C-alpha atoms as a PDB file:
ATOM      1  CA  UNK A   1    -138.099 -91.057 -23.756  1.00  0.00           C
ATOM      2  CA  UNK A   2    -137.694 -94.557 -22.364  1.00  0.00           C
ATOM      3  CA  UNK A   3    -136.779 -95.815 -25.823  1.00  0.00           C
ATOM      4  CA  UNK A   4    -134.062 -93.169 -26.109  1.00  0.00           C
ATOM      5  CA  UNK A   5    -132.595 -94.108 -22.723  1.00  0.00           C
ATOM      6  CA  UNK A   6    -132.590 -97.804 -23.621  1.00  0.00           C
ATOM      7  CA  UNK A   7    -130.891 -97.135 -26.938  1.00  0.00           C
ATOM      8  CA  UNK A   8    -128.194 -95.065 -25.241  1.00  0.00           C
ATOM      9  CA  UNK A   9    -127.605 -97.786 -22.667  1.00  0.00           C
ATOM     10  CA  UNK A  10    -127.397-100.452 -25.373  1.00  0.00           C
ATOM     11  CA  UNK A  11    -124.912 -98.327 -27.320  1.00  0.00           C
ATOM     12  CA  UNK A  12    -122.770 -97.822 -24.216  1.00  0.00           C
ATOM     13  CA  UNK A  13    -122.758-101.553 -23.514  1.00  0.00           C
ATOM     14  CA  UNK A  14    -122.049-102.445 -27.127  1.00  0.00           C
ATOM     15  CA  UNK A  15    -119.085-100.083 -27.380  1.00  0.00           C
ATOM     16  CA  UNK A  16    -116.016-101.942 -26.036  1.00  0.00           C
ATOM     17  CA  UNK A  17    -113.332-100.165 -24.099  1.00  0.00           C
ATOM     18  CA  UNK A  18    -110.330 -99.729 -26.354  1.00  0.00           C
ATOM     19  CA  UNK A  19    -107.117-101.050 -24.961  1.00  0.00           C
ATOM     20  CA  UNK A  20    -103.813 -99.806 -26.197  1.00  0.00           C
ATOM     21  CA  UNK A  21    -101.882-102.590 -27.871  1.00  0.00           C
ATOM     22  CA  UNK A  22     -98.157-102.646 -27.300  1.00  0.00           C
ATOM     23  CA  UNK A  23     -97.274-104.158 -30.664  1.00  0.00           C
ATOM     24  CA  UNK A  24     -94.489-106.398 -31.917  1.00  0.00           C
ATOM     25  CA  UNK A  25     -91.846-103.661 -31.957  1.00  0.00           C
ATOM     26  CA  UNK A  26     -92.318-103.076 -28.235  1.00  0.00           C
ATOM     27  CA  UNK A  27     -91.848-106.760 -27.422  1.00  0.00           C
ATOM     28  CA  UNK A  28     -88.842-106.934 -29.747  1.00  0.00           C
ATOM     29  CA  UNK A  29     -87.337-104.023 -27.809  1.00  0.00           C
ATOM     30  CA  UNK A  30     -88.036-105.777 -24.501  1.00  0.00           C
ATOM     31  CA  UNK A  31     -86.450-108.999 -25.761  1.00  0.00           C
ATOM     32  CA  UNK A  32     -83.348-107.223 -27.037  1.00  0.00           C
ATOM     33  CA  UNK A  33     -82.917-105.308 -23.779  1.00  0.00           C
ATOM     34  CA  UNK A  34     -83.263-108.506 -21.734  1.00  0.00           C
ATOM     35  CA  UNK A  35     -80.542-110.102 -23.875  1.00  0.00           C
ATOM     36  CA  UNK A  36     -78.198-107.103 -23.601  1.00  0.00           C
ATOM     37  CA  UNK A  37     -78.631-106.764 -19.838  1.00  0.00           C
ATOM     38  CA  UNK A  38     -78.216-110.518 -19.326  1.00  0.00           C
ATOM     39  CA  UNK A  39     -74.915-110.798 -21.221  1.00  0.00           C
ATOM     40  CA  UNK A  40     -73.606-107.571 -19.655  1.00  0.00           C
ATOM     41  CA  UNK A  41     -74.383-108.696 -16.100  1.00  0.00           C
ATOM     42  CA  UNK A  42     -73.205-112.289 -16.481  1.00  0.00           C
ATOM     43  CA  UNK A  43     -70.238-111.594 -18.789  1.00  0.00           C
ATOM     44  CA  UNK A  44     -67.758-112.846 -16.174  1.00  0.00           C
ATOM     45  CA  UNK A  45     -69.477-116.241 -16.101  1.00  0.00           C
ATOM     46  CA  UNK A  46     -69.590-116.740 -19.863  1.00  0.00           C
ATOM     47  CA  UNK A  47     -66.904-118.876 -21.585  1.00  0.00           C
ATOM     48  CA  UNK A  48     -65.238-115.877 -23.182  1.00  0.00           C
ATOM     49  CA  UNK A  49     -61.569-114.917 -23.515  1.00  0.00           C
ATOM     50  CA  UNK A  50     -60.411-111.744 -21.838  1.00  0.00           C
ATOM     51  CA  UNK A  51     -61.325-108.658 -23.887  1.00  0.00           C
ATOM     52  CA  UNK A  52     -57.809-107.286 -23.328  1.00  0.00           C
ATOM     53  CA  UNK A  53     -55.781-110.379 -24.338  1.00  0.00           C
ATOM     54  CA  UNK A  54     -53.910-109.673 -27.574  1.00  0.00           C
ATOM     55  CA  UNK A  55     -52.629-112.164 -30.144  1.00  0.00           C
ATOM     56  CA  UNK A  56     -50.744-110.436 -32.933  1.00  0.00           C
ATOM     57  CA  UNK A  57     -50.764-113.665 -34.962  1.00  0.00           C
ATOM     58  CA  UNK A  58     -54.585-113.519 -35.064  1.00  0.00           C
ATOM     59  CA  UNK A  59     -55.003-109.890 -36.124  1.00  0.00           C
ATOM     60  CA  UNK A  60     -58.310-109.288 -37.932  1.00  0.00           C
ATOM     61  CA  UNK A  61     -59.044-113.003 -37.956  1.00  0.00           C
ATOM     62  CA  UNK A  62     -62.326-113.900 -39.698  1.00  0.00           C
ATOM     63  CA  UNK A  63     -65.341-115.413 -37.992  1.00  0.00           C
ATOM     64  CA  UNK A  64     -64.541-118.922 -36.778  1.00  0.00           C
ATOM     65  CA  UNK A  65     -65.485-121.473 -34.135  1.00  0.00           C
ATOM     66  CA  UNK A  66     -62.821-120.032 -31.834  1.00  0.00           C
ATOM     67  CA  UNK A  67     -63.721-116.393 -32.492  1.00  0.00           C
ATOM     68  CA  UNK A  68     -67.433-116.120 -33.271  1.00  0.00           C
ATOM     69  CA  UNK A  69     -67.147-112.503 -34.435  1.00  0.00           C
ATOM     70  CA  UNK A  70     -63.480-112.573 -35.402  1.00  0.00           C
ATOM     71  CA  UNK A  71     -60.720-110.469 -33.841  1.00  0.00           C
ATOM     72  CA  UNK A  72     -59.782-106.806 -34.042  1.00  0.00           C
ATOM     73  CA  UNK A  73     -56.597-105.154 -35.248  1.00  0.00           C
ATOM     74  CA  UNK A  74     -54.729-106.213 -32.087  1.00  0.00           C
ATOM     75  CA  UNK A  75     -55.947-109.806 -32.069  1.00  0.00           C
ATOM     76  CA  UNK A  76     -58.543-109.304 -29.312  1.00  0.00           C
ATOM     77  CA  UNK A  77     -61.727-111.347 -29.438  1.00  0.00           C
ATOM     78  CA  UNK A  78     -64.469-109.164 -30.915  1.00  0.00           C
ATOM     79  CA  UNK A  79     -67.389-110.949 -29.217  1.00  0.00           C
ATOM     80  CA  UNK A  80     -65.773-110.581 -25.811  1.00  0.00           C
ATOM     81  CA  UNK A  81     -65.110-106.883 -26.406  1.00  0.00           C
ATOM     82  CA  UNK A  82     -68.683-106.408 -27.634  1.00  0.00           C
ATOM     83  CA  UNK A  83     -70.189-107.960 -24.494  1.00  0.00           C
ATOM     84  CA  UNK A  84     -67.894-106.180 -22.062  1.00  0.00           C
ATOM     85  CA  UNK A  85     -68.380-102.988 -24.048  1.00  0.00           C
ATOM     86  CA  UNK A  86     -72.121-103.352 -23.514  1.00  0.00           C
ATOM     87  CA  UNK A  87     -71.475-103.304 -19.771  1.00  0.00           C
ATOM     88  CA  UNK A  88     -69.581 -99.999 -19.992  1.00  0.00           C
ATOM     89  CA  UNK A  89     -72.132 -98.402 -22.314  1.00  0.00           C
ATOM     90  CA  UNK A  90     -75.005 -99.440 -20.043  1.00  0.00           C
ATOM     91  CA  UNK A  91     -73.241 -98.265 -16.879  1.00  0.00           C
ATOM     92  CA  UNK A  92     -72.685 -94.803 -18.319  1.00  0.00           C
ATOM     93  CA  UNK A  93     -76.045 -94.796 -20.092  1.00  0.00           C
ATOM     94  CA  UNK A  94     -77.974 -95.611 -16.906  1.00  0.00           C
ATOM     95  CA  UNK A  95     -75.976 -93.802 -14.222  1.00  0.00           C
ATOM     96  CA  UNK A  96     -75.727 -90.454 -16.014  1.00  0.00           C
ATOM     97  CA  UNK A  97     -79.517 -90.059 -16.471  1.00  0.00           C
ATOM     98  CA  UNK A  98     -79.967 -91.087 -12.832  1.00  0.00           C
ATOM     99  CA  UNK A  99     -77.963 -88.013 -11.844  1.00  0.00           C
ATOM    100  CA  UNK A 100     -80.071 -85.887 -14.151  1.00  0.00           C
ATOM    101  CA  UNK A 101     -83.427 -87.272 -13.035  1.00  0.00           C
ATOM    102  CA  UNK A 102     -82.534 -87.007  -9.336  1.00  0.00           C
ATOM    103  CA  UNK A 103     -81.297 -83.411  -9.366  1.00  0.00           C
ATOM    104  CA  UNK A 104     -83.368 -82.131 -12.262  1.00  0.00           C
ATOM    105  CA  UNK A 105     -86.532 -83.861 -11.083  1.00  0.00           C
ATOM    106  CA  UNK A 106     -86.212 -82.413  -7.581  1.00  0.00           C
ATOM    107  CA  UNK A 107     -85.551 -78.898  -8.899  1.00  0.00           C
ATOM    108  CA  UNK A 108     -88.442 -79.152 -11.349  1.00  0.00           C
ATOM    109  CA  UNK A 109     -90.946 -80.265  -8.712  1.00  0.00           C
ATOM    110  CA  UNK A 110     -89.868 -77.544  -6.282  1.00  0.00           C
ATOM    111  CA  UNK A 111     -89.895 -74.866  -8.993  1.00  0.00           C
ATOM    112  CA  UNK A 112     -93.311 -75.894 -10.275  1.00  0.00           C
ATOM    113  CA  UNK A 113     -94.824 -76.006  -6.800  1.00  0.00           C
ATOM    114  CA  UNK A 114     -93.364 -72.932  -5.077  1.00  0.00           C
ATOM    115  CA  UNK A 115     -93.126 -70.722  -8.202  1.00  0.00           C
ATOM    116  CA  UNK A 116     -91.978 -67.130  -7.655  1.00  0.00           C
ATOM    117  CA  UNK A 117     -88.332 -66.139  -7.465  1.00  0.00           C
ATOM    118  CA  UNK A 118     -87.152 -69.685  -6.832  1.00  0.00           C
ATOM    119  CA  UNK A 119     -88.723 -70.826 -10.097  1.00  0.00           C
ATOM    120  CA  UNK A 120     -87.175 -67.899 -11.973  1.00  0.00           C
ATOM    121  CA  UNK A 121     -83.739 -68.704 -10.541  1.00  0.00           C
ATOM    122  CA  UNK A 122     -83.966 -72.413 -11.401  1.00  0.00           C
ATOM    123  CA  UNK A 123     -85.299 -71.848 -14.918  1.00  0.00           C
ATOM    124  CA  UNK A 124     -82.700 -69.141 -15.580  1.00  0.00           C
ATOM    125  CA  UNK A 125     -79.861 -71.371 -14.374  1.00  0.00           C
ATOM    126  CA  UNK A 126     -81.027 -74.222 -16.594  1.00  0.00           C
ATOM    127  CA  UNK A 127     -81.297 -71.880 -19.583  1.00  0.00           C
ATOM    128  CA  UNK A 128     -77.683 -70.821 -19.039  1.00  0.00           C
ATOM    129  CA  UNK A 129     -76.592 -74.470 -18.956  1.00  0.00           C
ATOM    130  CA  UNK A 130     -78.612 -75.223 -22.088  1.00  0.00           C
ATOM    131  CA  UNK A 131     -76.943 -72.329 -23.897  1.00  0.00           C
ATOM    132  CA  UNK A 132     -73.703 -74.328 -24.138  1.00  0.00           C
ATOM    133  CA  UNK A 133     -73.572 -76.953 -26.933  1.00  0.00           C
ATOM    134  CA  UNK A 134     -73.714 -80.250 -24.983  1.00  0.00           C
ATOM    135  CA  UNK A 135     -71.210 -82.220 -27.048  1.00  0.00           C
ATOM    136  CA  UNK A 136     -68.695 -79.353 -27.185  1.00  0.00           C
ATOM    137  CA  UNK A 137     -69.011 -78.789 -23.432  1.00  0.00           C
ATOM    138  CA  UNK A 138     -68.571 -82.510 -22.756  1.00  0.00           C
ATOM    139  CA  UNK A 139     -65.484 -82.574 -24.974  1.00  0.00           C
ATOM    140  CA  UNK A 140     -63.943 -79.582 -23.190  1.00  0.00           C
ATOM    141  CA  UNK A 141     -64.635 -80.829 -19.660  1.00  0.00           C
ATOM    142  CA  UNK A 142     -63.472 -84.368 -20.468  1.00  0.00           C
ATOM    143  CA  UNK A 143     -60.245 -83.056 -21.969  1.00  0.00           C
ATOM    144  CA  UNK A 144     -59.651 -80.917 -18.863  1.00  0.00           C
ATOM    145  CA  UNK A 145     -60.580 -83.448 -16.139  1.00  0.00           C
ATOM    146  CA  UNK A 146     -59.171 -86.509 -17.867  1.00  0.00           C
ATOM    147  CA  UNK A 147     -60.654 -89.715 -19.186  1.00  0.00           C
ATOM    148  CA  UNK A 148     -62.453 -91.947 -16.698  1.00  0.00           C
ATOM    149  CA  UNK A 149     -65.829 -93.609 -16.412  1.00  0.00           C
ATOM    150  CA  UNK A 150     -66.643 -91.528 -13.324  1.00  0.00           C
ATOM    151  CA  UNK A 151     -65.825 -88.192 -14.985  1.00  0.00           C
ATOM    152  CA  UNK A 152     -67.720 -89.119 -18.125  1.00  0.00           C
ATOM    153  CA  UNK A 153     -70.783 -90.206 -16.147  1.00  0.00           C
ATOM    154  CA  UNK A 154     -70.828 -87.037 -14.039  1.00  0.00           C
ATOM    155  CA  UNK A 155     -70.449 -84.764 -17.071  1.00  0.00           C
ATOM    156  CA  UNK A 156     -73.270 -86.422 -18.989  1.00  0.00           C
ATOM    157  CA  UNK A 157     -75.419 -86.478 -15.850  1.00  0.00           C
ATOM    158  CA  UNK A 158     -75.029 -82.731 -15.307  1.00  0.00           C
ATOM    159  CA  UNK A 159     -75.839 -82.054 -18.958  1.00  0.00           C
ATOM    160  CA  UNK A 160     -79.117 -83.959 -18.549  1.00  0.00           C
ATOM    161  CA  UNK A 161     -80.348 -81.951 -15.537  1.00  0.00           C
ATOM    162  CA  UNK A 162     -82.106 -79.163 -17.533  1.00  0.00           C
ATOM    163  CA  UNK A 163     -84.166 -81.596 -19.605  1.00  0.00           C
ATOM    164  CA  UNK A 164     -85.393 -83.524 -16.564  1.00  0.00           C
ATOM    165  CA  UNK A 165     -86.092 -80.262 -14.727  1.00  0.00           C
ATOM    166  CA  UNK A 166     -88.342 -79.099 -17.547  1.00  0.00           C
ATOM    167  CA  UNK A 167     -90.284 -82.369 -17.624  1.00  0.00           C
ATOM    168  CA  UNK A 168     -90.796 -82.367 -13.845  1.00  0.00           C
ATOM    169  CA  UNK A 169     -91.722 -78.673 -13.756  1.00  0.00           C
ATOM    170  CA  UNK A 170     -94.260 -79.011 -16.575  1.00  0.00           C
ATOM    171  CA  UNK A 171     -95.917 -81.991 -14.875  1.00  0.00           C
ATOM    172  CA  UNK A 172     -95.942 -80.229 -11.500  1.00  0.00           C
ATOM    173  CA  UNK A 173     -97.494 -77.060 -12.935  1.00  0.00           C
ATOM    174  CA  UNK A 174    -100.367 -79.170 -14.253  1.00  0.00           C
ATOM    175  CA  UNK A 175    -100.799 -81.262 -11.116  1.00  0.00           C
ATOM    176  CA  UNK A 176    -100.537 -78.362  -8.659  1.00  0.00           C
ATOM    177  CA  UNK A 177    -103.946 -77.114  -9.811  1.00  0.00           C
ATOM    178  CA  UNK A 178    -105.670 -80.489  -9.555  1.00  0.00           C
ATOM    179  CA  UNK A 179    -108.419 -81.164  -7.055  1.00  0.00           C
ATOM    180  CA  UNK A 180    -106.489 -83.573  -4.847  1.00  0.00           C
ATOM    181  CA  UNK A 181    -103.693 -81.023  -4.310  1.00  0.00           C
ATOM    182  CA  UNK A 182    -106.145 -78.205  -3.594  1.00  0.00           C
ATOM    183  CA  UNK A 183    -108.004 -80.472  -1.163  1.00  0.00           C
ATOM    184  CA  UNK A 184    -104.776 -81.381   0.642  1.00  0.00           C
ATOM    185  CA  UNK A 185    -103.903 -77.701   0.985  1.00  0.00           C
ATOM    186  CA  UNK A 186    -107.389 -76.923   2.306  1.00  0.00           C
ATOM    187  CA  UNK A 187    -107.026 -79.667   4.929  1.00  0.00           C
ATOM    188  CA  UNK A 188    -103.817 -78.061   6.192  1.00  0.00           C
ATOM    189  CA  UNK A 189    -101.291 -80.533   4.767  1.00  0.00           C
ATOM    190  CA  UNK A 190     -97.681 -79.394   4.949  1.00  0.00           C
ATOM    191  CA  UNK A 191     -95.649 -78.607   1.858  1.00  0.00           C
ATOM    192  CA  UNK A 192     -93.485 -81.685   2.449  1.00  0.00           C
ATOM    193  CA  UNK A 193     -96.532 -83.956   2.595  1.00  0.00           C
ATOM    194  CA  UNK A 194     -98.032 -82.475  -0.563  1.00  0.00           C
ATOM    195  CA  UNK A 195     -94.722 -82.783  -2.423  1.00  0.00           C
ATOM    196  CA  UNK A 196     -93.969 -86.341  -1.316  1.00  0.00           C
ATOM    197  CA  UNK A 197     -97.446 -87.871  -1.086  1.00  0.00           C
ATOM    198  CA  UNK A 198     -99.443 -86.039  -3.734  1.00  0.00           C
ATOM    199  CA  UNK A 199     -97.101 -84.686  -6.410  1.00  0.00           C
ATOM    200  CA  UNK A 200     -94.072 -86.988  -6.475  1.00  0.00           C
ATOM    201  CA  UNK A 201     -95.943 -90.258  -7.279  1.00  0.00           C
ATOM    202  CA  UNK A 202     -97.691 -88.586 -10.224  1.00  0.00           C
ATOM    203  CA  UNK A 203     -94.580 -86.818 -11.527  1.00  0.00           C
ATOM    204  CA  UNK A 204     -92.551 -90.042 -11.409  1.00  0.00           C
ATOM    205  CA  UNK A 205     -94.459 -91.597 -14.319  1.00  0.00           C
ATOM    206  CA  UNK A 206     -93.482 -89.031 -16.982  1.00  0.00           C
ATOM    207  CA  UNK A 207     -89.989 -88.833 -15.480  1.00  0.00           C
ATOM    208  CA  UNK A 208     -89.467 -92.592 -15.845  1.00  0.00           C
ATOM    209  CA  UNK A 209     -90.672 -92.472 -19.446  1.00  0.00           C
ATOM    210  CA  UNK A 210     -88.307 -89.584 -20.197  1.00  0.00           C
ATOM    211  CA  UNK A 211     -85.521 -91.370 -18.305  1.00  0.00           C
ATOM    212  CA  UNK A 212     -85.565 -94.209 -20.839  1.00  0.00           C
ATOM    213  CA  UNK A 213     -85.269 -91.721 -23.677  1.00  0.00           C
ATOM    214  CA  UNK A 214     -82.414 -90.073 -21.785  1.00  0.00           C
ATOM    215  CA  UNK A 215     -80.599 -93.409 -21.559  1.00  0.00           C
ATOM    216  CA  UNK A 216     -80.739 -93.740 -25.343  1.00  0.00           C
ATOM    217  CA  UNK A 217     -79.363 -90.225 -25.850  1.00  0.00           C
ATOM    218  CA  UNK A 218     -76.613 -90.794 -23.269  1.00  0.00           C
ATOM    219  CA  UNK A 219     -75.452 -93.996 -24.961  1.00  0.00           C
ATOM    220  CA  UNK A 220     -75.171 -92.110 -28.255  1.00  0.00           C
ATOM    221  CA  UNK A 221     -73.253 -89.207 -26.660  1.00  0.00           C
ATOM    222  CA  UNK A 222     -70.919 -91.601 -24.836  1.00  0.00           C
ATOM    223  CA  UNK A 223     -70.346 -93.425 -28.097  1.00  0.00           C
ATOM    224  CA  UNK A 224     -69.571 -90.138 -29.838  1.00  0.00           C
ATOM    225  CA  UNK A 225     -67.030 -89.131 -27.189  1.00  0.00           C
ATOM    226  CA  UNK A 226     -65.417 -92.579 -27.240  1.00  0.00           C
ATOM    227  CA  UNK A 227     -65.342 -92.477 -31.041  1.00  0.00           C
ATOM    228  CA  UNK A 228     -63.397 -89.214 -30.795  1.00  0.00           C
ATOM    229  CA  UNK A 229     -61.029 -90.721 -28.224  1.00  0.00           C
ATOM    230  CA  UNK A 230     -62.355 -88.774 -25.216  1.00  0.00           C
ATOM    231  CA  UNK A 231     -64.593 -91.427 -23.719  1.00  0.00           C
ATOM    232  CA  UNK A 232     -63.606 -94.328 -21.497  1.00  0.00           C
ATOM    233  CA  UNK A 233     -59.818 -94.763 -21.249  1.00  0.00           C
ATOM    234  CA  UNK A 234     -58.101 -97.775 -22.858  1.00  0.00           C
ATOM    235  CA  UNK A 235     -57.860-100.707 -22.512  1.00  0.00           C
ATOM    236  CA  UNK A 236     -61.503-100.454 -21.385  1.00  0.00           C
ATOM    237  CA  UNK A 237     -63.760-100.744 -24.402  1.00  0.00           C
ATOM    238  CA  UNK A 238     -67.216 -99.413 -25.104  1.00  0.00           C
ATOM    239  CA  UNK A 239     -69.235 -99.635 -28.272  1.00  0.00           C
ATOM    240  CA  UNK A 240     -68.179 -96.134 -29.271  1.00  0.00           C
ATOM    241  CA  UNK A 241     -64.474 -96.869 -28.877  1.00  0.00           C
ATOM    242  CA  UNK A 242     -64.900-100.114 -30.834  1.00  0.00           C
ATOM    243  CA  UNK A 243     -66.480 -98.183 -33.693  1.00  0.00           C
ATOM    244  CA  UNK A 244     -63.645 -95.659 -33.565  1.00  0.00           C
ATOM    245  CA  UNK A 245     -60.994 -98.378 -33.668  1.00  0.00           C
ATOM    246  CA  UNK A 246     -62.833-100.254 -36.410  1.00  0.00           C
ATOM    247  CA  UNK A 247     -62.859 -97.289 -38.792  1.00  0.00           C
ATOM    248  CA  UNK A 248     -59.164 -97.911 -39.472  1.00  0.00           C
ATOM    249  CA  UNK A 249     -60.026-101.372 -40.838  1.00  0.00           C
ATOM    250  CA  UNK A 250     -63.133-100.569 -42.891  1.00  0.00           C
ATOM    251  CA  UNK A 251     -61.574-101.749 -46.142  1.00  0.00           C
ATOM    252  CA  UNK A 252     -60.234-105.097 -44.896  1.00  0.00           C
ATOM    253  CA  UNK A 253     -62.533-105.872 -41.939  1.00  0.00           C
ATOM    254  CA  UNK A 254     -65.671-103.684 -42.007  1.00  0.00           C
ATOM    255  CA  UNK A 255     -67.399-105.878 -39.422  1.00  0.00           C
ATOM    256  CA  UNK A 256     -65.148-104.419 -36.706  1.00  0.00           C
ATOM    257  CA  UNK A 257     -67.059-101.133 -36.987  1.00  0.00           C
ATOM    258  CA  UNK A 258     -70.434-102.386 -38.200  1.00  0.00           C
ATOM    259  CA  UNK A 259     -71.074-104.969 -35.457  1.00  0.00           C
ATOM    260  CA  UNK A 260     -70.788-102.564 -32.478  1.00  0.00           C
ATOM    261  CA  UNK A 261     -72.638 -99.919 -34.506  1.00  0.00           C
ATOM    262  CA  UNK A 262     -75.534-102.330 -35.054  1.00  0.00           C
ATOM    263  CA  UNK A 263     -75.536-103.280 -31.361  1.00  0.00           C
ATOM    264  CA  UNK A 264     -75.652 -99.600 -30.363  1.00  0.00           C
ATOM    265  CA  UNK A 265     -78.381 -98.888 -32.926  1.00  0.00           C
ATOM    266  CA  UNK A 266     -80.614-101.718 -31.688  1.00  0.00           C
ATOM    267  CA  UNK A 267     -80.082-100.741 -28.043  1.00  0.00           C
ATOM    268  CA  UNK A 268     -80.852 -97.067 -28.637  1.00  0.00           C
ATOM    269  CA  UNK A 269     -83.874 -98.008 -30.753  1.00  0.00           C
ATOM    270  CA  UNK A 270     -85.139-100.319 -28.012  1.00  0.00           C
ATOM    271  CA  UNK A 271     -84.835 -97.662 -25.311  1.00  0.00           C
ATOM    272  CA  UNK A 272     -86.632 -95.181 -27.572  1.00  0.00           C
ATOM    273  CA  UNK A 273     -89.466 -97.610 -28.319  1.00  0.00           C
ATOM    274  CA  UNK A 274     -89.944 -98.506 -24.656  1.00  0.00           C
ATOM    275  CA  UNK A 275     -89.740 -94.856 -23.606  1.00  0.00           C
ATOM    276  CA  UNK A 276     -92.240 -93.721 -26.248  1.00  0.00           C
ATOM    277  CA  UNK A 277     -94.645 -96.487 -25.257  1.00  0.00           C
ATOM    278  CA  UNK A 278     -94.427 -95.617 -21.572  1.00  0.00           C
ATOM    279  CA  UNK A 279     -94.871 -91.931 -22.344  1.00  0.00           C
ATOM    280  CA  UNK A 280     -98.022 -92.705 -24.336  1.00  0.00           C
ATOM    281  CA  UNK A 281     -99.395 -94.922 -21.565  1.00  0.00           C
ATOM    282  CA  UNK A 282     -98.683 -92.363 -18.829  1.00  0.00           C
ATOM    283  CA  UNK A 283     -99.845 -89.283 -20.750  1.00  0.00           C
ATOM    284  CA  UNK A 284    -102.226 -87.460 -18.387  1.00  0.00           C
ATOM    285  CA  UNK A 285    -104.328 -86.419 -21.378  1.00  0.00           C
ATOM    286  CA  UNK A 286    -105.321 -90.061 -21.824  1.00  0.00           C
ATOM    287  CA  UNK A 287    -107.279 -90.003 -18.602  1.00  0.00           C
ATOM    288  CA  UNK A 288    -107.816 -88.286 -15.291  1.00  0.00           C
ATOM    289  CA  UNK A 289    -105.301 -88.753 -12.522  1.00  0.00           C
END
């Protein structure tokens, strides 16, 4: 018996605790995002020409020391437009999911905690909103309200509410039956205290992971709307509008469409990689909360 206990103890000591490795792709994504955020934030301090200055004598100029990525069909510096376009894409890509995670997260937590008729009303309302094709609805509302960064951000934010509500509700339904919530209820804690002190900190982790994935989706949708001419109004440029303008020059200057497309691809890929990694690290099935 003693020998069996010693062997089990030795096996437990000999077995190392496995740590999840982040991998090279994760650190590549972090490095790319740091670069994109840095140039977008400090674009005004970089030695760049104005992204709206036109020089018709330099239309579709090739890559040179003066224009590192050449110029577009109106003689505007492509590198400057790419960097300032990153700022617009990130503003819309970050602010729209913030609207969704704030409203949708709050509705999901309340629906998952209180249940009953309130939950049925919230879930039914979100199902109605999900019934509309998102891109078609965004096109229709943008065409009706007009093109502006504010309108575009609000539309995409509202379209993201159902997804965040579902994530928050699913997490709350699981957490509401956990021991620490039951103990707080037994001790007479108020609903507000349970929601803010017990549930919210634990629901935030999956919401943040899903938020990063939502940023990637929003950047793609914004790019699609701008590509169709219903995104940010000119002369403001985003990566989507640059791709749309570059399609007219694919035969003579394909880099005008490929360069912003590659930048958007790497940014969306980075957000997806970081979001997937965070979701794996915060999965409640990996350990007890």
